[in-house]
Amino acid sequence: MPAENAVEEALMRSIRIPPRPSLLVDLQRELAKADPSPRTIARIIGNDVGMSGALLKLANSPFFGAARKAKSVEQAINFLGLDLCASTLTGLLARRAIDGQGADLSAFWEISMRRAQALMFTSRRLRIAPADIAHTFGLFCDIGVPLLMDRFADYAATYDDACDEPRRRFTEIEDERFSTNHAAIGCLLARNWGLSPDVSWAILLHHDYRVLDDPATDDAVRSLVALTLLAEKGIERFFGRTLSHEWEKGGELACQHLGLTEDEVADLLDELHEAFHNER
């Protein structure tokens, strides 16, 4: 354990993992109480226009599917529930903590948002993972990518090569060149920020599709990894791309784990595609 801790600390110093924001500490402290107060949480974020807007947008989106429209932050909190609100705000704080590092990350955050929407949508449809856990995992799944971009000048080329790799694991390409990968760095950030252990482990393993057929891996983690493959395929379709290497690598195992037939996957992806377009 001391050796592992030393390695983690060295990595965190080298990759410059941002510290947990004080606003997140306040939010998590309130959520940890026996009876957390929606009014207190609304007060914590009430003066922040960006956070208030993000909550209202999610509460009124087709991915959440509420019949009524939230007109205030407190209504949005009541509609979404405290945990899903916390997930949304944690993702926004992550963007603020990382965006100042120089690179144009607008496309990265767009994909992260779409993944979080897709994971929340499919988790609710299939009833296999809490919506807030799925949403958080979607937001933080690839959070190590911009951190590695900031650390290594040639990381973008490695990322492109890994995206185009049809057979080998994405993280193998990163490990060969940098002795670390975005999944490991994302897991460290998730742990440092006090996110759910299921989210941390799923981030670490989300490119290792062998876990989908491994009963020794927690079922909740395997479900998140399987769902992110569905999300990946849905996002590729939304942006007009016909090929998804990640789906080719792990899609069959994901369907087996989720108990979905080919027709059921097609129907689910059709629903997701429609929700993406309605959200626009």
Protein backbone atom coordinates (compact mmCIF):
# COMPACT_ATOMS: atom_id res chain seq x y z
CA MET A 1 0.00 0.00 0.00
CA PRO A 2 2.72 2.63 0.77
CA ALA A 3 4.31 1.92 -2.63
CA GLU A 4 0.94 2.25 -4.38
CA ASN A 5 0.24 5.52 -2.58
CA ALA A 6 3.64 6.87 -3.58
CA VAL A 7 2.99 6.01 -7.23
CA GLU A 8 -0.42 7.66 -7.11
CA GLU A 9 0.98 10.80 -5.52
CA ALA A 10 3.73 11.00 -8.13
CA LEU A 11 1.22 10.63 -10.94
CA MET A 12 -1.08 13.25 -9.46
CA ARG A 13 1.80 15.71 -9.22
CA SER A 14 2.99 14.92 -12.74
CA ILE A 15 -0.40 15.03 -14.46
CA ARG A 16 -1.66 17.98 -12.39
CA ILE A 17 -4.96 16.48 -11.32
CA PRO A 18 -7.03 19.44 -10.10
CA PRO A 19 -7.98 19.44 -6.41
CA ARG A 20 -11.56 18.90 -5.34
CA PRO A 21 -13.38 22.26 -5.63
CA SER A 22 -14.56 23.82 -2.37
CA LEU A 23 -18.10 24.08 -3.76
CA LEU A 24 -18.10 20.32 -4.32
CA VAL A 25 -16.88 19.79 -0.75
CA ASP A 26 -19.83 21.88 0.52
CA LEU A 27 -22.25 19.96 -1.68
CA GLN A 28 -20.93 16.53 -0.63
CA ARG A 29 -20.97 17.57 3.03
CA GLU A 30 -24.67 18.42 2.80
CA LEU A 31 -25.47 15.23 0.87
CA ALA A 32 -23.70 13.15 3.52
CA LYS A 33 -26.14 14.30 6.20
CA ALA A 34 -28.87 11.95 7.37
CA ASP A 35 -31.50 14.32 6.00
CA PRO A 36 -29.95 16.58 3.33
CA SER A 37 -31.92 19.72 2.58
CA PRO A 38 -32.88 20.57 -1.03
CA ARG A 39 -33.26 24.19 0.11
CA THR A 40 -29.69 24.26 1.44
CA ILE A 41 -28.38 22.77 -1.80
CA ALA A 42 -30.38 25.31 -3.81
CA ARG A 43 -28.78 28.02 -1.68
CA ILE A 44 -25.27 26.61 -2.28
CA ILE A 45 -25.68 26.86 -6.04
CA GLY A 46 -28.34 29.55 -6.29
CA ASN A 47 -25.95 32.41 -7.03
CA ASP A 48 -24.19 30.49 -9.79
CA VAL A 49 -25.91 31.13 -13.11
CA GLY A 50 -24.09 28.31 -14.91
CA MET A 51 -25.02 25.69 -12.33
CA SER A 52 -28.61 26.86 -12.08
CA GLY A 53 -28.96 26.74 -15.86
CA ALA A 54 -27.44 23.26 -16.10
CA LEU A 55 -29.89 21.88 -13.54
CA LEU A 56 -32.90 23.44 -15.24
CA LYS A 57 -31.76 22.19 -18.64
CA LEU A 58 -31.41 18.60 -17.40
CA ALA A 59 -34.68 18.66 -15.46
CA ASN A 60 -36.53 19.80 -18.59
CA SER A 61 -34.71 17.60 -21.11
CA PRO A 62 -36.14 14.55 -22.94
CA PHE A 63 -33.44 12.41 -21.30
CA PHE A 64 -35.00 12.94 -17.91
CA GLY A 65 -38.52 12.65 -19.26
CA ALA A 66 -40.41 14.67 -16.66
CA ALA A 67 -43.97 15.55 -17.66
CA ARG A 68 -43.76 18.91 -15.88
CA LYS A 69 -41.31 21.74 -16.49
CA ALA A 70 -39.10 23.01 -13.69
CA LYS A 71 -39.22 26.79 -13.36
CA SER A 72 -36.77 27.26 -10.50
CA VAL A 73 -33.63 25.67 -9.13
CA GLU A 74 -35.53 24.24 -6.17
CA GLN A 75 -38.11 22.68 -8.50
CA ALA A 76 -35.31 21.21 -10.62
CA ILE A 77 -33.75 19.67 -7.51
CA ASN A 78 -37.09 18.19 -6.48
CA PHE A 79 -37.69 16.77 -9.97
CA LEU A 80 -34.22 15.31 -10.43
CA GLY A 81 -33.45 14.22 -6.90
CA LEU A 82 -30.41 15.22 -4.89
CA ASP A 83 -28.01 12.62 -6.29
CA LEU A 84 -28.63 13.46 -9.95
CA CYS A 85 -28.29 17.15 -9.14
CA ALA A 86 -24.96 16.42 -7.49
CA SER A 87 -23.81 14.54 -10.60
CA THR A 88 -24.68 17.46 -12.88
CA LEU A 89 -22.94 20.00 -10.69
CA THR A 90 -19.85 17.82 -10.23
CA GLY A 91 -19.49 17.57 -14.00
CA LEU A 92 -19.78 21.35 -14.37
CA LEU A 93 -17.13 21.88 -11.70
CA ALA A 94 -14.84 19.44 -13.52
CA ARG A 95 -15.19 21.46 -16.70
CA ARG A 96 -14.33 24.67 -14.87
CA ALA A 97 -11.33 23.08 -13.21
CA ILE A 98 -9.91 21.76 -16.48
CA ASP A 99 -10.93 24.31 -19.12
CA GLY A 100 -8.30 26.83 -18.08
CA GLN A 101 -5.44 24.61 -19.25
CA GLY A 102 -5.19 26.09 -22.75
CA ALA A 103 -6.57 23.57 -25.27
CA ASP A 104 -9.92 24.05 -26.97
CA LEU A 105 -11.98 21.33 -25.30
CA SER A 106 -15.44 22.23 -26.61
CA ALA A 107 -15.69 19.04 -28.69
CA PHE A 108 -14.54 16.94 -25.72
CA TRP A 109 -17.20 18.40 -23.42
CA GLU A 110 -19.86 17.96 -26.11
CA ILE A 111 -19.09 14.22 -26.29
CA SER A 112 -18.97 13.96 -22.48
CA MET A 113 -22.38 15.59 -22.20
CA ARG A 114 -23.84 13.30 -24.87
CA ARG A 115 -22.36 10.25 -23.14
CA ALA A 116 -23.84 11.28 -19.79
CA GLN A 117 -27.24 11.82 -21.44
CA ALA A 118 -27.06 8.45 -23.19
CA LEU A 119 -26.01 6.59 -20.06
CA MET A 120 -28.76 8.14 -17.99
CA PHE A 121 -31.30 7.38 -20.73
CA THR A 122 -30.30 3.74 -21.20
CA SER A 123 -29.90 3.07 -17.47
CA ARG A 124 -33.44 4.29 -16.87
CA ARG A 125 -34.81 2.31 -19.82
CA LEU A 126 -33.09 -0.92 -18.79
CA ARG A 127 -33.39 -0.32 -15.02
CA ILE A 128 -29.94 -1.65 -14.32
CA ALA A 129 -28.05 1.27 -12.76
CA PRO A 130 -29.02 4.36 -10.73
CA ALA A 131 -29.44 7.30 -13.10
CA ASP A 132 -27.11 9.55 -11.09
CA ILE A 133 -24.30 6.96 -11.07
CA ALA A 134 -24.70 6.39 -14.83
CA HIS A 135 -24.76 10.15 -15.46
CA THR A 136 -21.64 10.78 -13.37
CA PHE A 137 -19.78 7.96 -15.07
CA GLY A 138 -20.72 9.39 -18.47
CA LEU A 139 -19.37 12.81 -17.54
CA PHE A 140 -16.12 11.51 -16.04
CA CYS A 141 -15.48 8.45 -18.21
CA ASP A 142 -12.80 10.18 -20.33
CA ILE A 143 -11.84 12.96 -17.92
CA GLY A 144 -8.22 11.79 -18.06
CA VAL A 145 -7.97 12.78 -21.74
CA PRO A 146 -7.62 16.58 -21.30
CA LEU A 147 -5.28 16.03 -18.34
CA LEU A 148 -2.95 13.95 -20.52
CA MET A 149 -3.23 16.50 -23.33
CA ASP A 150 -2.02 19.14 -20.91
CA ARG A 151 0.86 16.95 -19.72
CA PHE A 152 2.13 15.53 -23.04
CA ALA A 153 2.49 17.70 -26.14
CA ASP A 154 2.10 14.70 -28.48
CA TYR A 155 -0.81 13.07 -26.67
CA ALA A 156 -3.39 14.20 -29.27
CA ALA A 157 -1.68 12.10 -31.94
CA THR A 158 -1.66 9.10 -29.61
CA TYR A 159 -5.34 9.62 -28.87
CA ASP A 160 -6.14 9.64 -32.61
CA ASP A 161 -4.10 6.48 -33.14
CA ALA A 162 -5.91 4.73 -30.29
CA CYS A 163 -9.30 5.79 -31.70
CA ASP A 164 -8.37 4.27 -35.06
CA GLU A 165 -7.10 0.99 -33.58
CA PRO A 166 -9.53 -1.81 -34.58
CA ARG A 167 -8.31 -4.61 -32.32
CA ARG A 168 -6.04 -3.66 -29.42
CA ARG A 169 -7.31 -1.98 -26.27
CA PHE A 170 -7.34 1.81 -26.41
CA THR A 171 -5.36 2.07 -23.20
CA GLU A 172 -2.61 -0.26 -24.47
CA ILE A 173 -1.59 2.36 -27.03
CA GLU A 174 -1.40 5.04 -24.32
CA ASP A 175 0.51 2.79 -21.91
CA GLU A 176 3.16 2.00 -24.53
CA ARG A 177 3.94 5.66 -25.13
CA PHE A 178 3.37 7.32 -21.75
CA SER A 179 3.42 4.52 -19.14
CA THR A 180 -0.08 5.58 -18.10
CA ASN A 181 -3.47 6.04 -19.72
CA HIS A 182 -6.56 8.23 -19.51
CA ALA A 183 -8.58 5.55 -17.68
CA ALA A 184 -6.05 5.33 -14.85
CA ILE A 185 -5.75 9.12 -14.55
CA GLY A 186 -9.54 9.51 -14.64
CA CYS A 187 -9.87 6.94 -11.86
CA LEU A 188 -7.40 8.90 -9.72
CA LEU A 189 -9.36 12.12 -10.21
CA ALA A 190 -12.65 10.39 -9.40
CA ARG A 191 -11.21 9.00 -6.17
CA ASN A 192 -9.61 12.33 -5.28
CA TRP A 193 -12.93 14.09 -5.79
CA GLY A 194 -14.86 11.62 -3.64
CA LEU A 195 -16.97 10.09 -6.41
CA SER A 196 -18.68 6.72 -6.05
CA PRO A 197 -16.35 3.68 -6.01
CA ASP A 198 -18.49 2.14 -8.77
CA VAL A 199 -17.77 5.18 -10.93
CA SER A 200 -14.03 5.10 -10.13
CA TRP A 201 -13.70 1.41 -10.99
CA ALA A 202 -15.80 1.73 -14.14
CA ILE A 203 -13.61 4.61 -15.33
CA LEU A 204 -10.51 2.50 -14.75
CA LEU A 205 -11.93 -0.52 -16.64
CA HIS A 206 -14.05 1.06 -19.35
CA HIS A 207 -11.75 0.01 -22.21
CA ASP A 208 -11.06 -3.46 -20.81
CA TYR A 209 -14.03 -5.40 -22.13
CA ARG A 210 -12.77 -8.66 -20.63
CA VAL A 211 -14.45 -7.57 -17.39
CA LEU A 212 -17.87 -7.95 -19.05
CA ASP A 213 -17.35 -11.71 -18.96
CA ASP A 214 -15.66 -11.75 -15.56
CA PRO A 215 -17.95 -12.62 -12.62
CA ALA A 216 -15.21 -11.52 -10.21
CA THR A 217 -15.82 -7.90 -11.28
CA ASP A 218 -18.68 -6.17 -9.48
CA ASP A 219 -21.89 -6.37 -11.52
CA ALA A 220 -22.57 -2.63 -11.12
CA VAL A 221 -19.18 -1.83 -12.66
CA ARG A 222 -19.72 -4.29 -15.51
CA SER A 223 -23.11 -2.73 -16.24
CA LEU A 224 -21.60 0.75 -16.50
CA VAL A 225 -18.91 -0.51 -18.89
CA ALA A 226 -21.58 -2.22 -21.01
CA LEU A 227 -23.77 0.88 -21.04
CA THR A 228 -20.93 3.09 -22.19
CA LEU A 229 -20.49 0.87 -25.24
CA LEU A 230 -24.15 1.46 -26.10
CA ALA A 231 -23.62 5.17 -25.55
CA GLU A 232 -20.53 5.12 -27.78
CA LYS A 233 -22.47 3.51 -30.62
CA GLY A 234 -25.35 5.96 -30.17
CA ILE A 235 -23.02 8.97 -30.22
CA GLU A 236 -21.24 7.73 -33.35
CA ARG A 237 -24.61 7.41 -35.07
CA PHE A 238 -25.72 10.86 -33.93
CA PHE A 239 -22.63 12.42 -35.51
CA GLY A 240 -23.13 10.46 -38.73
CA ARG A 241 -20.35 7.91 -38.30
CA THR A 242 -21.11 4.35 -39.37
CA LEU A 243 -18.15 2.61 -37.72
CA SER A 244 -17.48 2.26 -34.00
CA HIS A 245 -14.26 0.37 -33.24
CA GLU A 246 -15.12 0.20 -29.54
CA TRP A 247 -18.46 -1.42 -30.33
CA GLU A 248 -16.72 -3.92 -32.59
CA LYS A 249 -14.34 -4.78 -29.74
CA GLY A 250 -16.89 -5.11 -26.95
CA GLY A 251 -20.43 -4.78 -28.26
CA GLU A 252 -21.22 -8.49 -28.29
CA LEU A 253 -20.07 -8.92 -24.69
CA ALA A 254 -22.03 -5.83 -23.67
CA CYS A 255 -25.23 -7.22 -25.19
CA GLN A 256 -24.70 -10.54 -23.43
CA HIS A 257 -24.18 -8.83 -20.09
CA LEU A 258 -27.23 -6.58 -20.52
CA GLY A 259 -29.38 -9.43 -21.85
CA LEU A 260 -30.22 -7.59 -25.07
CA THR A 261 -30.96 -9.08 -28.47
CA GLU A 262 -29.81 -7.41 -31.69
CA ASP A 263 -33.34 -6.11 -32.31
CA GLU A 264 -33.60 -4.73 -28.76
CA VAL A 265 -30.30 -2.90 -29.19
CA ALA A 266 -31.53 -1.41 -32.47
CA ASP A 267 -34.77 -0.23 -30.84
CA LEU A 268 -32.93 1.28 -27.89
CA LEU A 269 -30.49 3.11 -30.17
CA ASP A 270 -33.43 4.43 -32.23
CA GLU A 271 -35.00 5.85 -29.07
CA LEU A 272 -31.68 7.36 -28.01
CA HIS A 273 -31.19 8.93 -31.45
CA GLU A 274 -34.63 10.50 -31.28
CA ALA A 275 -33.93 11.87 -27.79
CA PHE A 276 -30.66 13.43 -29.00
CA HIS A 277 -32.50 15.22 -31.79
CA ASN A 278 -35.35 16.33 -29.53
CA GLU A 279 -32.82 17.75 -27.06
CA ARG A 280 -31.36 20.01 -29.74
